[in-house]
PDB file of N, CA and C in Angstrom:
ATOM      1  N   UNK A   1    -318.751-206.984  71.611  1.00  0.00           N
ATOM      2  CA  UNK A   1    -317.372-206.532  71.775  1.00  0.00           C
ATOM      3  C   UNK A   1    -316.473-207.752  71.680  1.00  0.00           C
ATOM      4  N   UNK A   2    -315.460-207.657  70.841  1.00  0.00           N
ATOM      5  CA  UNK A   2    -314.589-208.806  70.617  1.00  0.00           C
ATOM      6  C   UNK A   2    -313.358-208.817  71.520  1.00  0.00           C
ATOM      7  N   UNK A   3    -313.234-207.849  72.412  1.00  0.00           N
ATOM      8  CA  UNK A   3    -312.086-207.815  73.319  1.00  0.00           C
ATOM      9  C   UNK A   3    -310.880-207.103  72.743  1.00  0.00           C
ATOM     10  N   UNK A   4    -310.915-206.783  71.464  1.00  0.00           N
ATOM     11  CA  UNK A   4    -309.797-206.057  70.860  1.00  0.00           C
ATOM     12  C   UNK A   4    -309.765-204.636  71.415  1.00  0.00           C
ATOM     13  N   UNK A   5    -308.591-204.118  71.530  1.00  0.00           N
ATOM     14  CA  UNK A   5    -308.432-202.784  72.086  1.00  0.00           C
ATOM     15  C   UNK A   5    -307.372-202.012  71.317  1.00  0.00           C
ATOM     16  N   UNK A   6    -307.566-200.723  71.224  1.00  0.00           N
ATOM     17  CA  UNK A   6    -306.562-199.861  70.621  1.00  0.00           C
ATOM     18  C   UNK A   6    -305.580-199.332  71.659  1.00  0.00           C
ATOM     19  N   UNK A   7    -305.716-199.758  72.890  1.00  0.00           N
ATOM     20  CA  UNK A   7    -304.840-199.316  73.963  1.00  0.00           C
ATOM     21  C   UNK A   7    -303.557-200.123  73.953  1.00  0.00           C
ATOM     22  N   UNK A   8    -302.487-199.490  74.363  1.00  0.00           N
ATOM     23  CA  UNK A   8    -301.201-200.170  74.473  1.00  0.00           C
ATOM     24  C   UNK A   8    -300.487-199.636  75.706  1.00  0.00           C
ATOM     25  N   UNK A   9    -299.392-200.251  76.058  1.00  0.00           N
ATOM     26  CA  UNK A   9    -298.636-199.878  77.250  1.00  0.00           C
ATOM     27  C   UNK A   9    -297.244-199.429  76.842  1.00  0.00           C
ATOM     28  N   UNK A  10    -296.837-198.266  77.328  1.00  0.00           N
ATOM     29  CA  UNK A  10    -295.494-197.749  77.078  1.00  0.00           C
ATOM     30  C   UNK A  10    -294.925-197.228  78.393  1.00  0.00           C
ATOM     31  N   UNK A  11    -293.612-197.253  78.504  1.00  0.00           N
ATOM     32  CA  UNK A  11    -292.979-196.673  79.686  1.00  0.00           C
ATOM     33  C   UNK A  11    -291.584-196.182  79.326  1.00  0.00           C
ATOM     34  N   UNK A  12    -290.876-195.670  80.304  1.00  0.00           N
ATOM     35  CA  UNK A  12    -289.516-195.186  80.078  1.00  0.00           C
ATOM     36  C   UNK A  12    -289.499-193.839  79.379  1.00  0.00           C
ATOM     37  N   UNK A  13    -288.392-193.559  78.702  1.00  0.00           N
ATOM     38  CA  UNK A  13    -288.239-192.255  78.057  1.00  0.00           C
ATOM     39  C   UNK A  13    -289.246-192.047  76.932  1.00  0.00           C
ATOM     40  N   UNK A  14    -289.791-193.133  76.391  1.00  0.00           N
ATOM     41  CA  UNK A  14    -290.806-193.002  75.343  1.00  0.00           C
ATOM     42  C   UNK A  14    -292.037-192.258  75.844  1.00  0.00           C
ATOM     43  N   UNK A  15    -292.306-192.332  77.125  1.00  0.00           N
ATOM     44  CA  UNK A  15    -293.451-191.627  77.704  1.00  0.00           C
ATOM     45  C   UNK A  15    -293.014-190.440  78.546  1.00  0.00           C
ATOM     46  N   UNK A  16    -291.839-190.491  79.131  1.00  0.00           N
ATOM     47  CA  UNK A  16    -291.374-189.378  79.968  1.00  0.00           C
ATOM     48  C   UNK A  16    -291.178-188.111  79.152  1.00  0.00           C
ATOM     49  N   UNK A  17    -290.635-188.246  77.962  1.00  0.00           N
ATOM     50  CA  UNK A  17    -290.348-187.069  77.138  1.00  0.00           C
ATOM     51  C   UNK A  17    -291.615-186.310  76.744  1.00  0.00           C
ATOM     52  N   UNK A  18    -292.645-186.963  76.202  1.00  0.00           N
ATOM     53  CA  UNK A  18    -293.844-186.195  75.850  1.00  0.00           C
ATOM     54  C   UNK A  18    -294.566-185.618  77.068  1.00  0.00           C
ATOM     55  N   UNK A  19    -294.537-186.312  78.192  1.00  0.00           N
ATOM     56  CA  UNK A  19    -295.166-185.768  79.396  1.00  0.00           C
ATOM     57  C   UNK A  19    -294.430-184.519  79.868  1.00  0.00           C
ATOM     58  N   UNK A  20    -293.108-184.575  79.873  1.00  0.00           N
ATOM     59  CA  UNK A  20    -292.313-183.425  80.299  1.00  0.00           C
ATOM     60  C   UNK A  20    -292.499-182.254  79.339  1.00  0.00           C
ATOM     61  N   UNK A  21    -292.547-182.532  78.047  1.00  0.00           N
ATOM     62  CA  UNK A  21    -292.790-181.468  77.067  1.00  0.00           C
ATOM     63  C   UNK A  21    -294.150-180.813  77.312  1.00  0.00           C
ATOM     64  N   UNK A  22    -295.130-181.605  77.677  1.00  0.00           N
ATOM     65  CA  UNK A  22    -296.445-181.057  77.994  1.00  0.00           C
ATOM     66  C   UNK A  22    -296.412-180.156  79.213  1.00  0.00           C
ATOM     67  N   UNK A  23    -295.642-180.551  80.221  1.00  0.00           N
ATOM     68  CA  UNK A  23    -295.508-179.721  81.421  1.00  0.00           C
ATOM     69  C   UNK A  23    -294.797-178.409  81.075  1.00  0.00           C
ATOM     70  N   UNK A  24    -293.781-178.483  80.225  1.00  0.00           N
ATOM     71  CA  UNK A  24    -293.098-177.257  79.782  1.00  0.00           C
ATOM     72  C   UNK A  24    -294.099-176.318  79.106  1.00  0.00           C
ATOM     73  N   UNK A  25    -294.964-176.857  78.268  1.00  0.00           N
ATOM     74  CA  UNK A  25    -295.980-176.032  77.608  1.00  0.00           C
ATOM     75  C   UNK A  25    -296.922-175.398  78.631  1.00  0.00           C
ATOM     76  N   UNK A  26    -297.284-176.145  79.659  1.00  0.00           N
ATOM     77  CA  UNK A  26    -298.144-175.594  80.709  1.00  0.00           C
ATOM     78  C   UNK A  26    -297.440-174.480  81.477  1.00  0.00           C
ATOM     79  N   UNK A  27    -296.147-174.676  81.755  1.00  0.00           N
ATOM     80  CA  UNK A  27    -295.368-173.644  82.455  1.00  0.00           C
ATOM     81  C   UNK A  27    -295.350-172.365  81.629  1.00  0.00           C
ATOM     82  N   UNK A  28    -295.049-172.487  80.340  1.00  0.00           N
ATOM     83  CA  UNK A  28    -294.997-171.303  79.482  1.00  0.00           C
ATOM     84  C   UNK A  28    -296.374-170.672  79.304  1.00  0.00           C
ATOM     85  N   UNK A  29    -297.427-171.469  79.352  1.00  0.00           N
ATOM     86  CA  UNK A  29    -298.760-170.870  79.252  1.00  0.00           C
ATOM     87  C   UNK A  29    -299.087-170.067  80.507  1.00  0.00           C
ATOM     88  N   UNK A  30    -298.529-170.484  81.647  1.00  0.00           N
ATOM     89  CA  UNK A  30    -298.734-169.748  82.891  1.00  0.00           C
ATOM     90  C   UNK A  30    -297.905-168.471  82.937  1.00  0.00           C
ATOM     91  N   UNK A  31    -296.730-168.504  82.276  1.00  0.00           N
ATOM     92  CA  UNK A  31    -295.846-167.337  82.284  1.00  0.00           C
ATOM     93  C   UNK A  31    -294.975-167.350  81.031  1.00  0.00           C
ATOM     94  N   UNK A  32    -295.463-166.790  79.933  1.00  0.00           N
ATOM     95  CA  UNK A  32    -294.735-166.828  78.660  1.00  0.00           C
ATOM     96  C   UNK A  32    -293.398-166.091  78.671  1.00  0.00           C
ATOM     97  N   UNK A  33    -293.157-165.249  79.663  1.00  0.00           N
ATOM     98  CA  UNK A  33    -291.917-164.468  79.706  1.00  0.00           C
ATOM     99  C   UNK A  33    -290.727-165.249  80.257  1.00  0.00           C
ATOM    100  N   UNK A  34    -290.953-166.450  80.759  1.00  0.00           N
ATOM    101  CA  UNK A  34    -289.861-167.219  81.365  1.00  0.00           C
ATOM    102  C   UNK A  34    -288.840-167.659  80.323  1.00  0.00           C
ATOM    103  N   UNK A  35    -287.575-167.656  80.719  1.00  0.00           N
ATOM    104  CA  UNK A  35    -286.502-168.133  79.840  1.00  0.00           C
ATOM    105  C   UNK A  35    -286.438-169.658  79.871  1.00  0.00           C
ATOM    106  N   UNK A  36    -285.749-170.223  78.911  1.00  0.00           N
ATOM    107  CA  UNK A  36    -285.546-171.682  78.881  1.00  0.00           C
ATOM    108  C   UNK A  36    -284.893-172.157  80.171  1.00  0.00           C
ATOM    109  N   UNK A  37    -283.884-171.423  80.628  1.00  0.00           N
ATOM    110  CA  UNK A  37    -283.146-171.802  81.834  1.00  0.00           C
ATOM    111  C   UNK A  37    -284.050-171.788  83.058  1.00  0.00           C
ATOM    112  N   UNK A  38    -284.925-170.805  83.140  1.00  0.00           N
ATOM    113  CA  UNK A  38    -285.843-170.725  84.275  1.00  0.00           C
ATOM    114  C   UNK A  38    -286.846-171.867  84.242  1.00  0.00           C
ATOM    115  N   UNK A  39    -287.365-172.179  83.073  1.00  0.00           N
ATOM    116  CA  UNK A  39    -288.303-173.300  82.949  1.00  0.00           C
ATOM    117  C   UNK A  39    -287.618-174.596  83.377  1.00  0.00           C
ATOM    118  N   UNK A  40    -286.394-174.805  82.924  1.00  0.00           N
ATOM    119  CA  UNK A  40    -285.636-175.995  83.328  1.00  0.00           C
ATOM    120  C   UNK A  40    -285.470-176.033  84.846  1.00  0.00           C
ATOM    121  N   UNK A  41    -285.135-174.909  85.437  1.00  0.00           N
ATOM    122  CA  UNK A  41    -284.978-174.829  86.886  1.00  0.00           C
ATOM    123  C   UNK A  41    -286.276-175.183  87.605  1.00  0.00           C
ATOM    124  N   UNK A  42    -287.405-174.689  87.103  1.00  0.00           N
ATOM    125  CA  UNK A  42    -288.696-175.001  87.710  1.00  0.00           C
ATOM    126  C   UNK A  42    -288.993-176.500  87.635  1.00  0.00           C
ATOM    127  N   UNK A  43    -288.670-177.116  86.504  1.00  0.00           N
ATOM    128  CA  UNK A  43    -288.865-178.567  86.376  1.00  0.00           C
ATOM    129  C   UNK A  43    -288.043-179.317  87.416  1.00  0.00           C
ATOM    130  N   UNK A  44    -286.766-178.931  87.531  1.00  0.00           N
ATOM    131  CA  UNK A  44    -285.851-179.636  88.434  1.00  0.00           C
ATOM    132  C   UNK A  44    -286.206-179.410  89.906  1.00  0.00           C
ATOM    133  N   UNK A  45    -286.522-178.179  90.276  1.00  0.00           N
ATOM    134  CA  UNK A  45    -286.735-177.870  91.696  1.00  0.00           C
ATOM    135  C   UNK A  45    -288.102-178.295  92.211  1.00  0.00           C
ATOM    136  N   UNK A  46    -289.041-178.555  91.327  1.00  0.00           N
ATOM    137  CA  UNK A  46    -290.368-178.990  91.774  1.00  0.00           C
ATOM    138  C   UNK A  46    -290.597-180.489  91.583  1.00  0.00           C
ATOM    139  N   UNK A  47    -289.653-181.175  90.970  1.00  0.00           N
ATOM    140  CA  UNK A  47    -289.803-182.624  90.751  1.00  0.00           C
ATOM    141  C   UNK A  47    -289.827-183.356  92.088  1.00  0.00           C
ATOM    142  N   UNK A  48    -290.543-184.460  92.126  1.00  0.00           N
ATOM    143  CA  UNK A  48    -290.566-185.314  93.309  1.00  0.00           C
ATOM    144  C   UNK A  48    -289.339-186.211  93.261  1.00  0.00           C
ATOM    145  N   UNK A  49    -288.429-185.990  94.198  1.00  0.00           N
ATOM    146  CA  UNK A  49    -287.155-186.707  94.214  1.00  0.00           C
ATOM    147  C   UNK A  49    -287.366-188.166  94.614  1.00  0.00           C
ATOM    148  N   UNK A  50    -286.697-189.060  93.926  1.00  0.00           N
ATOM    149  CA  UNK A  50    -286.737-190.491  94.232  1.00  0.00           C
ATOM    150  C   UNK A  50    -285.310-190.987  94.421  1.00  0.00           C
ATOM    151  N   UNK A  51    -285.141-192.053  95.165  1.00  0.00           N
ATOM    152  CA  UNK A  51    -283.802-192.617  95.345  1.00  0.00           C
ATOM    153  C   UNK A  51    -282.920-191.691  96.157  1.00  0.00           C
ATOM    154  N   UNK A  52    -281.630-191.673  95.805  1.00  0.00           N
ATOM    155  CA  UNK A  52    -280.671-190.814  96.498  1.00  0.00           C
ATOM    156  C   UNK A  52    -281.064-189.353  96.294  1.00  0.00           C
ATOM    157  N   UNK A  53    -280.786-188.528  97.290  1.00  0.00           N
ATOM    158  CA  UNK A  53    -281.132-187.106  97.203  1.00  0.00           C
ATOM    159  C   UNK A  53    -280.448-186.457  96.009  1.00  0.00           C
ATOM    160  N   UNK A  54    -281.205-185.641  95.282  1.00  0.00           N
ATOM    161  CA  UNK A  54    -280.656-184.978  94.106  1.00  0.00           C
ATOM    162  C   UNK A  54    -280.625-185.904  92.907  1.00  0.00           C
ATOM    163  N   UNK A  55    -279.858-185.514  91.904  1.00  0.00           N
ATOM    164  CA  UNK A  55    -279.759-186.313  90.680  1.00  0.00           C
ATOM    165  C   UNK A  55    -279.084-187.648  90.957  1.00  0.00           C
ATOM    166  N   UNK A  56    -279.617-188.713  90.385  1.00  0.00           N
ATOM    167  CA  UNK A  56    -278.941-190.014  90.418  1.00  0.00           C
ATOM    168  C   UNK A  56    -279.198-190.734  89.100  1.00  0.00           C
ATOM    169  N   UNK A  57    -278.395-191.754  88.823  1.00  0.00           N
ATOM    170  CA  UNK A  57    -278.466-192.448  87.534  1.00  0.00           C
ATOM    171  C   UNK A  57    -279.689-193.345  87.377  1.00  0.00           C
ATOM    172  N   UNK A  58    -280.378-193.649  88.457  1.00  0.00           N
ATOM    173  CA  UNK A  58    -281.564-194.494  88.366  1.00  0.00           C
ATOM    174  C   UNK A  58    -282.818-193.673  88.081  1.00  0.00           C
ATOM    175  N   UNK A  59    -283.016-192.597  88.829  1.00  0.00           N
ATOM    176  CA  UNK A  59    -284.243-191.806  88.730  1.00  0.00           C
ATOM    177  C   UNK A  59    -284.047-190.418  88.129  1.00  0.00           C
ATOM    178  N   UNK A  60    -282.819-190.085  87.770  1.00  0.00           N
ATOM    179  CA  UNK A  60    -282.569-188.740  87.244  1.00  0.00           C
ATOM    180  C   UNK A  60    -282.894-187.696  88.292  1.00  0.00           C
ATOM    181  N   UNK A  61    -283.726-186.752  87.941  1.00  0.00           N
ATOM    182  CA  UNK A  61    -284.122-185.686  88.879  1.00  0.00           C
ATOM    183  C   UNK A  61    -285.429-186.028  89.589  1.00  0.00           C
ATOM    184  N   UNK A  62    -286.043-187.163  89.231  1.00  0.00           N
ATOM    185  CA  UNK A  62    -287.276-187.577  89.886  1.00  0.00           C
ATOM    186  C   UNK A  62    -288.463-187.525  88.943  1.00  0.00           C
ATOM    187  N   UNK A  63    -289.647-187.431  89.522  1.00  0.00           N
ATOM    188  CA  UNK A  63    -290.895-187.415  88.765  1.00  0.00           C
ATOM    189  C   UNK A  63    -291.344-185.967  88.575  1.00  0.00           C
ATOM    190  N   UNK A  64    -291.641-185.601  87.347  1.00  0.00           N
ATOM    191  CA  UNK A  64    -292.117-184.249  87.060  1.00  0.00           C
ATOM    192  C   UNK A  64    -293.408-183.999  87.840  1.00  0.00           C
ATOM    193  N   UNK A  65    -293.467-182.850  88.489  1.00  0.00           N
ATOM    194  CA  UNK A  65    -294.654-182.463  89.249  1.00  0.00           C
ATOM    195  C   UNK A  65    -295.293-181.264  88.544  1.00  0.00           C
ATOM    196  N   UNK A  66    -296.227-181.548  87.661  1.00  0.00           N
ATOM    197  CA  UNK A  66    -296.845-180.501  86.838  1.00  0.00           C
ATOM    198  C   UNK A  66    -297.511-179.432  87.693  1.00  0.00           C
ATOM    199  N   UNK A  67    -298.255-179.840  88.693  1.00  0.00           N
ATOM    200  CA  UNK A  67    -298.981-178.888  89.530  1.00  0.00           C
ATOM    201  C   UNK A  67    -298.021-177.907  90.195  1.00  0.00           C
ATOM    202  N   UNK A  68    -296.958-178.419  90.794  1.00  0.00           N
ATOM    203  CA  UNK A  68    -295.998-177.556  91.487  1.00  0.00           C
ATOM    204  C   UNK A  68    -295.246-176.654  90.517  1.00  0.00           C
ATOM    205  N   UNK A  69    -294.866-177.185  89.364  1.00  0.00           N
ATOM    206  CA  UNK A  69    -294.107-176.396  88.389  1.00  0.00           C
ATOM    207  C   UNK A  69    -294.950-175.259  87.819  1.00  0.00           C
ATOM    208  N   UNK A  70    -296.195-175.543  87.494  1.00  0.00           N
ATOM    209  CA  UNK A  70    -297.078-174.507  86.945  1.00  0.00           C
ATOM    210  C   UNK A  70    -297.405-173.471  88.021  1.00  0.00           C
ATOM    211  N   UNK A  71    -297.609-173.920  89.251  1.00  0.00           N
ATOM    212  CA  UNK A  71    -297.872-172.979  90.345  1.00  0.00           C
ATOM    213  C   UNK A  71    -296.684-172.049  90.551  1.00  0.00           C
ATOM    214  N   UNK A  72    -295.483-172.590  90.491  1.00  0.00           N
ATOM    215  CA  UNK A  72    -294.280-171.775  90.653  1.00  0.00           C
ATOM    216  C   UNK A  72    -294.157-170.765  89.516  1.00  0.00           C
ATOM    217  N   UNK A  73    -294.507-171.162  88.317  1.00  0.00           N
ATOM    218  CA  UNK A  73    -294.431-170.266  87.155  1.00  0.00           C
ATOM    219  C   UNK A  73    -295.445-169.139  87.248  1.00  0.00           C
ATOM    220  N   UNK A  74    -296.559-169.397  87.897  1.00  0.00           N
ATOM    221  CA  UNK A  74    -297.612-168.402  87.988  1.00  0.00           C
ATOM    222  C   UNK A  74    -297.394-167.351  89.053  1.00  0.00           C
ATOM    223  N   UNK A  75    -296.367-167.520  89.878  1.00  0.00           N
ATOM    224  CA  UNK A  75    -296.092-166.561  90.964  1.00  0.00           C
ATOM    225  C   UNK A  75    -295.433-165.317  90.440  1.00  0.00           C
TER     226      UNK A  75
END
């Protein structure tokens, strides 16, 4: 092994967007009848809040919580 790797490091919106899109797909797979607005609400209300309570310019709405969002969609 020569130590070369195909792995790389990414952060910020470059990784947040595809992760969130994946969670949206999981939500819709749990309940395909949900509207766009409802899916958005589930993302926002189940996110783990960071920083100041609610939306803020540093953390936005927080960290997407896939488990909680999908569980809420399945109810």
